Amino acid sequence: MRITIEKISPDLEEEVVVRCHEPSADWVGFIQCIKSEDKGIVGEADGEIFRLNLDEVYYFEVVDRKAFIYYENAVYESNLRLYEFEEKCRGTAFFRASKSMVVNADKIERIAPSISGRFTATLLNGEKVIVSRQYVSSLKKILGL
C-alpha cells in the first residue's frame, strides 16, 4: 500500500481519497471513523449534561446496570451500554479490559503482572485497574508488546 501526503494552500479544502480493492476492509472502517469526527460522548453529572472528549476519558465502567465515564478527576454517568462505548471507540487506543470495563491505553502509565494471568494497569492519575486474563492479549497488542 502506498501513502501520499500533499501539502496544499489554506484556501483549498482538505481531502482524503481512499482507493482500495475491498471497501469493506477493517482499515477502511477506521478511516471512516476519522471522517465522522465524532470524538465526543455525552455524560451527566449533578443534573447537568456534558459533551465529553474521548481523548480525555480514562475508562468506561458498568456497575449494577449503570454506565460511568471516568476522567482524571471526575465521574460522569451515561445511558450507553459497554458495547456501545466500544463501538464509539473503535480504531482508538481503547480496549476491553474486563467484562465491565473499557480502558484508554493512552492513559496507562505502567502495567504489571498480577495473579492468575491478570495484569494491573496503573493509570496516569494513579488509579489501578485490573485487566482480566482473557483481555491481556488485547492490551499487549495495543501497547505493541
N, C-alpha and C. Protein backbone atom coordinates (compact mmCIF):
# COMPACT_ATOMS: atom_id res chain seq x y z
N MET A 1 0.85 -1.17 0.00
CA MET A 1 0.00 0.00 0.00
C MET A 1 0.90 1.23 0.00
N ARG A 2 0.52 2.22 -0.76
CA ARG A 2 1.27 3.46 -0.87
C ARG A 2 0.49 4.57 -0.20
N ILE A 3 1.17 5.42 0.56
CA ILE A 3 0.55 6.58 1.20
C ILE A 3 1.22 7.83 0.66
N THR A 4 0.40 8.78 0.19
CA THR A 4 0.91 10.04 -0.35
C THR A 4 0.31 11.18 0.44
N ILE A 5 1.17 12.08 0.90
CA ILE A 5 0.71 13.26 1.62
C ILE A 5 1.16 14.48 0.83
N GLU A 6 0.21 15.36 0.57
CA GLU A 6 0.49 16.54 -0.25
C GLU A 6 0.09 17.79 0.52
N LYS A 7 1.01 18.74 0.62
CA LYS A 7 0.70 20.00 1.28
C LYS A 7 -0.05 20.90 0.30
N ILE A 8 -1.15 21.50 0.79
CA ILE A 8 -1.95 22.37 -0.07
C ILE A 8 -2.07 23.75 0.57
N SER A 9 -2.53 24.70 -0.22
CA SER A 9 -2.68 26.06 0.30
C SER A 9 -3.91 26.12 1.21
N PRO A 10 -3.91 27.06 2.16
CA PRO A 10 -5.00 27.15 3.14
C PRO A 10 -6.38 27.43 2.53
N ASP A 11 -6.43 27.96 1.31
CA ASP A 11 -7.72 28.27 0.70
C ASP A 11 -8.38 27.05 0.06
N LEU A 12 -7.66 25.95 -0.07
CA LEU A 12 -8.23 24.72 -0.62
C LEU A 12 -8.80 23.84 0.50
N GLU A 13 -9.83 23.07 0.16
CA GLU A 13 -10.43 22.16 1.13
C GLU A 13 -9.55 20.92 1.27
N GLU A 14 -9.36 20.47 2.53
CA GLU A 14 -8.60 19.25 2.76
C GLU A 14 -9.43 18.05 2.33
N GLU A 15 -8.74 17.01 1.85
CA GLU A 15 -9.46 15.85 1.33
C GLU A 15 -8.60 14.60 1.50
N VAL A 16 -9.28 13.49 1.75
CA VAL A 16 -8.62 12.19 1.80
C VAL A 16 -9.29 11.30 0.76
N VAL A 17 -8.50 10.71 -0.11
CA VAL A 17 -9.01 9.80 -1.14
C VAL A 17 -8.49 8.41 -0.83
N VAL A 18 -9.39 7.43 -0.77
CA VAL A 18 -9.00 6.05 -0.49
C VAL A 18 -9.32 5.22 -1.72
N ARG A 19 -8.31 4.59 -2.27
CA ARG A 19 -8.50 3.67 -3.40
C ARG A 19 -8.16 2.28 -2.89
N CYS A 20 -9.13 1.38 -2.92
CA CYS A 20 -8.89 0.06 -2.35
C CYS A 20 -9.58 -1.02 -3.17
N HIS A 21 -9.11 -2.24 -3.01
CA HIS A 21 -9.71 -3.38 -3.69
C HIS A 21 -10.98 -3.84 -2.99
N GLU A 22 -10.99 -3.73 -1.67
CA GLU A 22 -12.12 -4.23 -0.87
C GLU A 22 -12.61 -3.13 0.07
N PRO A 23 -13.72 -2.43 -0.27
CA PRO A 23 -14.21 -1.33 0.57
C PRO A 23 -14.68 -1.76 1.95
N SER A 24 -14.87 -3.05 2.19
CA SER A 24 -15.34 -3.50 3.49
C SER A 24 -14.18 -3.88 4.41
N ALA A 25 -12.95 -3.63 4.00
CA ALA A 25 -11.78 -3.97 4.82
C ALA A 25 -11.82 -3.18 6.13
N ASP A 26 -11.27 -3.79 7.19
CA ASP A 26 -11.28 -3.17 8.52
C ASP A 26 -10.65 -1.78 8.51
N TRP A 27 -9.52 -1.63 7.83
CA TRP A 27 -8.82 -0.35 7.86
C TRP A 27 -9.63 0.75 7.21
N VAL A 28 -10.50 0.41 6.26
CA VAL A 28 -11.37 1.42 5.65
C VAL A 28 -12.35 1.95 6.70
N GLY A 29 -12.83 1.07 7.57
CA GLY A 29 -13.71 1.48 8.66
C GLY A 29 -13.04 2.47 9.60
N PHE A 30 -11.74 2.26 9.86
CA PHE A 30 -11.00 3.19 10.72
C PHE A 30 -10.93 4.57 10.09
N ILE A 31 -10.71 4.61 8.81
CA ILE A 31 -10.64 5.90 8.10
C ILE A 31 -11.99 6.58 8.13
N GLN A 32 -13.07 5.82 7.99
CA GLN A 32 -14.40 6.41 8.04
C GLN A 32 -14.70 6.98 9.42
N CYS A 33 -14.14 6.37 10.46
CA CYS A 33 -14.31 6.91 11.82
C CYS A 33 -13.68 8.30 11.93
N ILE A 34 -12.55 8.48 11.27
CA ILE A 34 -11.90 9.80 11.28
C ILE A 34 -12.82 10.82 10.64
N LYS A 35 -13.45 10.46 9.55
CA LYS A 35 -14.35 11.37 8.84
C LYS A 35 -15.53 11.79 9.70
N SER A 36 -16.03 10.88 10.50
CA SER A 36 -17.22 11.17 11.30
C SER A 36 -16.96 12.27 12.32
N GLU A 37 -15.69 12.46 12.69
CA GLU A 37 -15.29 13.47 13.66
C GLU A 37 -16.12 13.38 14.95
N ASP A 38 -16.66 12.21 15.22
CA ASP A 38 -17.46 12.02 16.43
C ASP A 38 -16.54 11.56 17.55
N LYS A 39 -15.72 12.47 18.04
CA LYS A 39 -14.77 12.15 19.08
C LYS A 39 -15.34 12.50 20.45
N GLY A 40 -16.64 12.67 20.52
CA GLY A 40 -17.24 13.06 21.79
C GLY A 40 -18.26 12.06 22.26
N ILE A 41 -18.64 12.23 23.50
CA ILE A 41 -19.63 11.37 24.12
C ILE A 41 -20.36 12.21 25.16
N VAL A 42 -21.59 11.86 25.44
CA VAL A 42 -22.40 12.65 26.37
C VAL A 42 -22.41 11.97 27.74
N GLY A 43 -22.19 12.77 28.78
CA GLY A 43 -22.22 12.28 30.15
C GLY A 43 -22.99 13.23 31.03
N GLU A 44 -23.46 12.72 32.16
CA GLU A 44 -24.25 13.53 33.08
C GLU A 44 -23.62 13.52 34.47
N ALA A 45 -23.61 14.69 35.10
CA ALA A 45 -23.12 14.81 36.48
C ALA A 45 -23.85 15.96 37.15
N ASP A 46 -24.31 15.73 38.37
CA ASP A 46 -25.00 16.77 39.15
C ASP A 46 -26.18 17.38 38.40
N GLY A 47 -26.92 16.55 37.66
CA GLY A 47 -28.10 17.01 36.95
C GLY A 47 -27.82 17.79 35.69
N GLU A 48 -26.55 17.93 35.32
CA GLU A 48 -26.19 18.65 34.10
C GLU A 48 -25.64 17.67 33.07
N ILE A 49 -25.84 17.99 31.78
CA ILE A 49 -25.36 17.15 30.69
C ILE A 49 -24.13 17.80 30.08
N PHE A 50 -23.08 16.99 29.88
CA PHE A 50 -21.81 17.49 29.36
C PHE A 50 -21.44 16.75 28.08
N ARG A 51 -20.82 17.47 27.16
CA ARG A 51 -20.23 16.87 25.97
C ARG A 51 -18.77 16.59 26.33
N LEU A 52 -18.38 15.31 26.34
CA LEU A 52 -17.07 14.90 26.80
C LEU A 52 -16.19 14.48 25.62
N ASN A 53 -14.91 14.78 25.72
CA ASN A 53 -13.94 14.43 24.69
C ASN A 53 -13.38 13.04 24.98
N LEU A 54 -13.44 12.14 24.01
CA LEU A 54 -12.94 10.77 24.21
C LEU A 54 -11.46 10.74 24.57
N ASP A 55 -10.69 11.69 24.06
CA ASP A 55 -9.25 11.70 24.34
C ASP A 55 -8.95 11.91 25.81
N GLU A 56 -9.89 12.49 26.55
CA GLU A 56 -9.67 12.77 27.96
C GLU A 56 -10.26 11.71 28.88
N VAL A 57 -10.97 10.74 28.32
CA VAL A 57 -11.58 9.66 29.12
C VAL A 57 -10.51 8.66 29.51
N TYR A 58 -10.50 8.27 30.79
CA TYR A 58 -9.59 7.26 31.28
C TYR A 58 -10.17 5.86 31.06
N TYR A 59 -11.44 5.68 31.45
CA TYR A 59 -12.10 4.39 31.19
C TYR A 59 -13.60 4.51 31.36
N PHE A 60 -14.28 3.52 30.82
CA PHE A 60 -15.73 3.36 30.97
C PHE A 60 -15.95 2.12 31.82
N GLU A 61 -16.96 2.19 32.68
CA GLU A 61 -17.26 1.03 33.52
C GLU A 61 -18.77 0.92 33.71
N VAL A 62 -19.25 -0.31 33.75
CA VAL A 62 -20.65 -0.57 34.02
C VAL A 62 -20.74 -1.31 35.35
N VAL A 63 -21.51 -0.73 36.28
CA VAL A 63 -21.70 -1.31 37.61
C VAL A 63 -23.19 -1.32 37.89
N ASP A 64 -23.74 -2.49 38.21
CA ASP A 64 -25.16 -2.63 38.52
C ASP A 64 -26.05 -1.98 37.45
N ARG A 65 -25.74 -2.26 36.19
CA ARG A 65 -26.50 -1.76 35.04
C ARG A 65 -26.44 -0.25 34.84
N LYS A 66 -25.51 0.40 35.51
CA LYS A 66 -25.30 1.84 35.32
C LYS A 66 -23.92 2.02 34.71
N ALA A 67 -23.84 2.90 33.69
CA ALA A 67 -22.58 3.14 33.00
C ALA A 67 -21.95 4.43 33.50
N PHE A 68 -20.63 4.39 33.70
CA PHE A 68 -19.90 5.54 34.19
C PHE A 68 -18.73 5.84 33.26
N ILE A 69 -18.43 7.13 33.13
CA ILE A 69 -17.32 7.61 32.32
C ILE A 69 -16.34 8.27 33.29
N TYR A 70 -15.11 7.78 33.34
CA TYR A 70 -14.13 8.28 34.29
C TYR A 70 -13.11 9.17 33.60
N TYR A 71 -13.02 10.41 34.07
CA TYR A 71 -11.99 11.37 33.67
C TYR A 71 -10.90 11.32 34.72
N GLU A 72 -9.91 12.16 34.59
CA GLU A 72 -8.81 12.18 35.56
C GLU A 72 -9.32 12.42 36.98
N ASN A 73 -10.19 13.42 37.15
CA ASN A 73 -10.69 13.75 38.49
C ASN A 73 -12.20 13.88 38.54
N ALA A 74 -12.90 13.32 37.60
CA ALA A 74 -14.37 13.45 37.56
C ALA A 74 -14.99 12.16 37.05
N VAL A 75 -16.26 11.96 37.45
CA VAL A 75 -17.01 10.78 37.01
C VAL A 75 -18.35 11.26 36.47
N TYR A 76 -18.73 10.74 35.30
CA TYR A 76 -20.00 11.09 34.67
C TYR A 76 -20.80 9.81 34.47
N GLU A 77 -22.10 9.94 34.45
CA GLU A 77 -22.98 8.81 34.21
C GLU A 77 -23.46 8.87 32.76
N SER A 78 -23.76 7.70 32.19
CA SER A 78 -24.19 7.63 30.80
C SER A 78 -25.29 6.58 30.65
N ASN A 79 -26.06 6.72 29.58
CA ASN A 79 -27.10 5.74 29.27
C ASN A 79 -26.60 4.64 28.33
N LEU A 80 -25.37 4.78 27.83
CA LEU A 80 -24.84 3.81 26.88
C LEU A 80 -24.49 2.49 27.56
N ARG A 81 -24.47 1.44 26.77
CA ARG A 81 -24.03 0.13 27.24
C ARG A 81 -22.55 -0.02 26.88
N LEU A 82 -21.89 -0.98 27.50
CA LEU A 82 -20.46 -1.14 27.30
C LEU A 82 -20.10 -1.39 25.84
N TYR A 83 -20.88 -2.20 25.13
CA TYR A 83 -20.59 -2.47 23.72
C TYR A 83 -20.74 -1.20 22.88
N GLU A 84 -21.60 -0.27 23.30
CA GLU A 84 -21.75 0.99 22.58
C GLU A 84 -20.52 1.88 22.79
N PHE A 85 -19.94 1.84 23.99
CA PHE A 85 -18.68 2.56 24.22
C PHE A 85 -17.60 1.99 23.30
N GLU A 86 -17.55 0.66 23.22
CA GLU A 86 -16.55 0.01 22.37
C GLU A 86 -16.71 0.43 20.91
N GLU A 87 -17.96 0.48 20.43
CA GLU A 87 -18.20 0.89 19.05
C GLU A 87 -17.76 2.33 18.81
N LYS A 88 -18.06 3.22 19.75
CA LYS A 88 -17.66 4.63 19.60
C LYS A 88 -16.14 4.77 19.60
N CYS A 89 -15.45 3.86 20.25
CA CYS A 89 -14.00 3.96 20.41
C CYS A 89 -13.24 3.08 19.42
N ARG A 90 -13.92 2.45 18.51
CA ARG A 90 -13.26 1.57 17.54
C ARG A 90 -12.21 2.38 16.76
N GLY A 91 -11.03 1.81 16.64
CA GLY A 91 -9.96 2.48 15.92
C GLY A 91 -9.15 3.42 16.79
N THR A 92 -9.40 3.42 18.09
CA THR A 92 -8.65 4.28 19.02
C THR A 92 -7.85 3.38 19.96
N ALA A 93 -7.30 3.97 21.00
CA ALA A 93 -6.48 3.23 21.96
C ALA A 93 -7.31 2.54 23.05
N PHE A 94 -8.63 2.60 22.97
CA PHE A 94 -9.48 1.95 23.97
C PHE A 94 -9.52 0.45 23.71
N PHE A 95 -9.56 -0.33 24.79
CA PHE A 95 -9.66 -1.79 24.68
C PHE A 95 -10.50 -2.32 25.84
N ARG A 96 -11.10 -3.47 25.63
CA ARG A 96 -11.87 -4.13 26.67
C ARG A 96 -10.89 -4.71 27.67
N ALA A 97 -11.03 -4.33 28.94
CA ALA A 97 -10.12 -4.80 29.99
C ALA A 97 -10.76 -5.87 30.87
N SER A 98 -12.09 -5.88 30.91
CA SER A 98 -12.81 -6.88 31.70
C SER A 98 -14.24 -6.93 31.20
N LYS A 99 -15.02 -7.77 31.82
CA LYS A 99 -16.43 -7.91 31.44
C LYS A 99 -17.19 -6.59 31.58
N SER A 100 -16.72 -5.72 32.47
CA SER A 100 -17.46 -4.50 32.75
C SER A 100 -16.68 -3.21 32.51
N MET A 101 -15.52 -3.30 31.83
CA MET A 101 -14.68 -2.11 31.71
C MET A 101 -13.98 -2.01 30.35
N VAL A 102 -13.95 -0.78 29.81
CA VAL A 102 -13.18 -0.45 28.61
C VAL A 102 -12.20 0.65 29.02
N VAL A 103 -10.91 0.43 28.77
CA VAL A 103 -9.86 1.33 29.25
C VAL A 103 -9.15 2.01 28.08
N ASN A 104 -8.73 3.26 28.30
CA ASN A 104 -7.95 4.02 27.34
C ASN A 104 -6.47 3.70 27.56
N ALA A 105 -5.86 2.97 26.63
CA ALA A 105 -4.46 2.58 26.78
C ALA A 105 -3.52 3.79 26.78
N ASP A 106 -3.94 4.90 26.21
CA ASP A 106 -3.12 6.11 26.23
C ASP A 106 -3.01 6.70 27.63
N LYS A 107 -3.86 6.29 28.53
CA LYS A 107 -3.84 6.80 29.91
C LYS A 107 -3.13 5.85 30.87
N ILE A 108 -2.52 4.80 30.34
CA ILE A 108 -1.81 3.84 31.19
C ILE A 108 -0.37 4.31 31.38
N GLU A 109 0.03 4.41 32.64
CA GLU A 109 1.40 4.80 32.97
C GLU A 109 2.31 3.58 32.99
N ARG A 110 1.82 2.49 33.61
CA ARG A 110 2.62 1.26 33.68
C ARG A 110 1.69 0.07 33.89
N ILE A 111 2.21 -1.10 33.55
CA ILE A 111 1.47 -2.34 33.77
C ILE A 111 2.37 -3.31 34.51
N ALA A 112 1.74 -4.21 35.26
CA ALA A 112 2.50 -5.23 35.99
C ALA A 112 1.66 -6.50 36.03
N PRO A 113 2.32 -7.66 35.90
CA PRO A 113 1.60 -8.92 36.01
C PRO A 113 1.00 -9.06 37.41
N SER A 114 -0.14 -9.70 37.46
CA SER A 114 -0.83 -9.92 38.72
C SER A 114 -1.08 -11.42 38.84
N ILE A 115 -1.94 -11.80 39.77
CA ILE A 115 -2.21 -13.22 39.97
C ILE A 115 -3.12 -13.78 38.88
N SER A 116 -3.01 -15.07 38.65
CA SER A 116 -3.88 -15.82 37.73
C SER A 116 -3.87 -15.28 36.30
N GLY A 117 -2.74 -14.76 35.83
CA GLY A 117 -2.63 -14.32 34.45
C GLY A 117 -3.20 -12.93 34.19
N ARG A 118 -3.69 -12.28 35.22
CA ARG A 118 -4.20 -10.93 35.06
C ARG A 118 -3.06 -9.91 35.10
N PHE A 119 -3.37 -8.68 34.70
CA PHE A 119 -2.41 -7.59 34.79
C PHE A 119 -3.04 -6.46 35.58
N THR A 120 -2.22 -5.69 36.26
CA THR A 120 -2.67 -4.48 36.92
C THR A 120 -2.11 -3.31 36.13
N ALA A 121 -3.01 -2.44 35.67
CA ALA A 121 -2.59 -1.25 34.93
C ALA A 121 -2.74 -0.05 35.85
N THR A 122 -1.67 0.71 35.99
CA THR A 122 -1.71 1.94 36.77
C THR A 122 -1.89 3.09 35.78
N LEU A 123 -2.95 3.86 35.98
CA LEU A 123 -3.26 4.96 35.06
C LEU A 123 -2.48 6.21 35.45
N LEU A 124 -2.49 7.19 34.58
CA LEU A 124 -1.74 8.43 34.80
C LEU A 124 -2.18 9.17 36.05
N ASN A 125 -3.44 8.97 36.46
CA ASN A 125 -3.93 9.63 37.67
C ASN A 125 -3.67 8.80 38.93
N GLY A 126 -2.93 7.70 38.81
CA GLY A 126 -2.58 6.87 39.95
C GLY A 126 -3.57 5.75 40.24
N GLU A 127 -4.71 5.77 39.59
CA GLU A 127 -5.72 4.73 39.81
C GLU A 127 -5.26 3.42 39.18
N LYS A 128 -5.60 2.30 39.83
CA LYS A 128 -5.22 0.99 39.33
C LYS A 128 -6.45 0.25 38.84
N VAL A 129 -6.33 -0.38 37.67
CA VAL A 129 -7.42 -1.19 37.14
C VAL A 129 -6.86 -2.57 36.80
N ILE A 130 -7.70 -3.57 36.93
CA ILE A 130 -7.32 -4.94 36.65
C ILE A 130 -7.72 -5.30 35.22
N VAL A 131 -6.78 -5.88 34.48
CA VAL A 131 -7.06 -6.37 33.13
C VAL A 131 -7.22 -7.89 33.25
N SER A 132 -8.42 -8.39 32.95
CA SER A 132 -8.69 -9.82 33.04
C SER A 132 -7.81 -10.60 32.06
N ARG A 133 -7.52 -11.83 32.41
CA ARG A 133 -6.57 -12.60 31.60
C ARG A 133 -7.02 -12.79 30.16
N GLN A 134 -8.35 -12.89 29.90
CA GLN A 134 -8.79 -13.07 28.51
C GLN A 134 -8.62 -11.82 27.67
N TYR A 135 -8.38 -10.65 28.32
CA TYR A 135 -8.19 -9.40 27.59
C TYR A 135 -6.74 -8.91 27.61
N VAL A 136 -5.85 -9.64 28.25
CA VAL A 136 -4.44 -9.25 28.31
C VAL A 136 -3.84 -9.19 26.91
N SER A 137 -4.23 -10.10 26.03
CA SER A 137 -3.68 -10.09 24.67
C SER A 137 -4.06 -8.81 23.93
N SER A 138 -5.26 -8.29 24.17
CA SER A 138 -5.67 -7.02 23.54
C SER A 138 -4.79 -5.88 24.04
N LEU A 139 -4.50 -5.87 25.32
CA LEU A 139 -3.64 -4.84 25.90
C LEU A 139 -2.24 -4.92 25.29
N LYS A 140 -1.69 -6.11 25.22
CA LYS A 140 -0.35 -6.28 24.67
C LYS A 140 -0.30 -5.85 23.20
N LYS A 141 -1.35 -6.14 22.47
CA LYS A 141 -1.41 -5.77 21.05
C LYS A 141 -1.41 -4.25 20.90
N ILE A 142 -2.22 -3.56 21.71
CA ILE A 142 -2.30 -2.10 21.63
C ILE A 142 -0.97 -1.46 22.03
N LEU A 143 -0.31 -2.03 23.04
CA LEU A 143 0.95 -1.47 23.52
C LEU A 143 2.15 -1.91 22.67
N GLY A 144 1.90 -2.81 21.73
CA GLY A 144 2.96 -3.27 20.85
C GLY A 144 3.93 -4.23 21.51
N LEU A 145 3.43 -5.00 22.50
CA LEU A 145 4.28 -5.97 23.22
C LEU A 145 4.20 -7.35 22.59
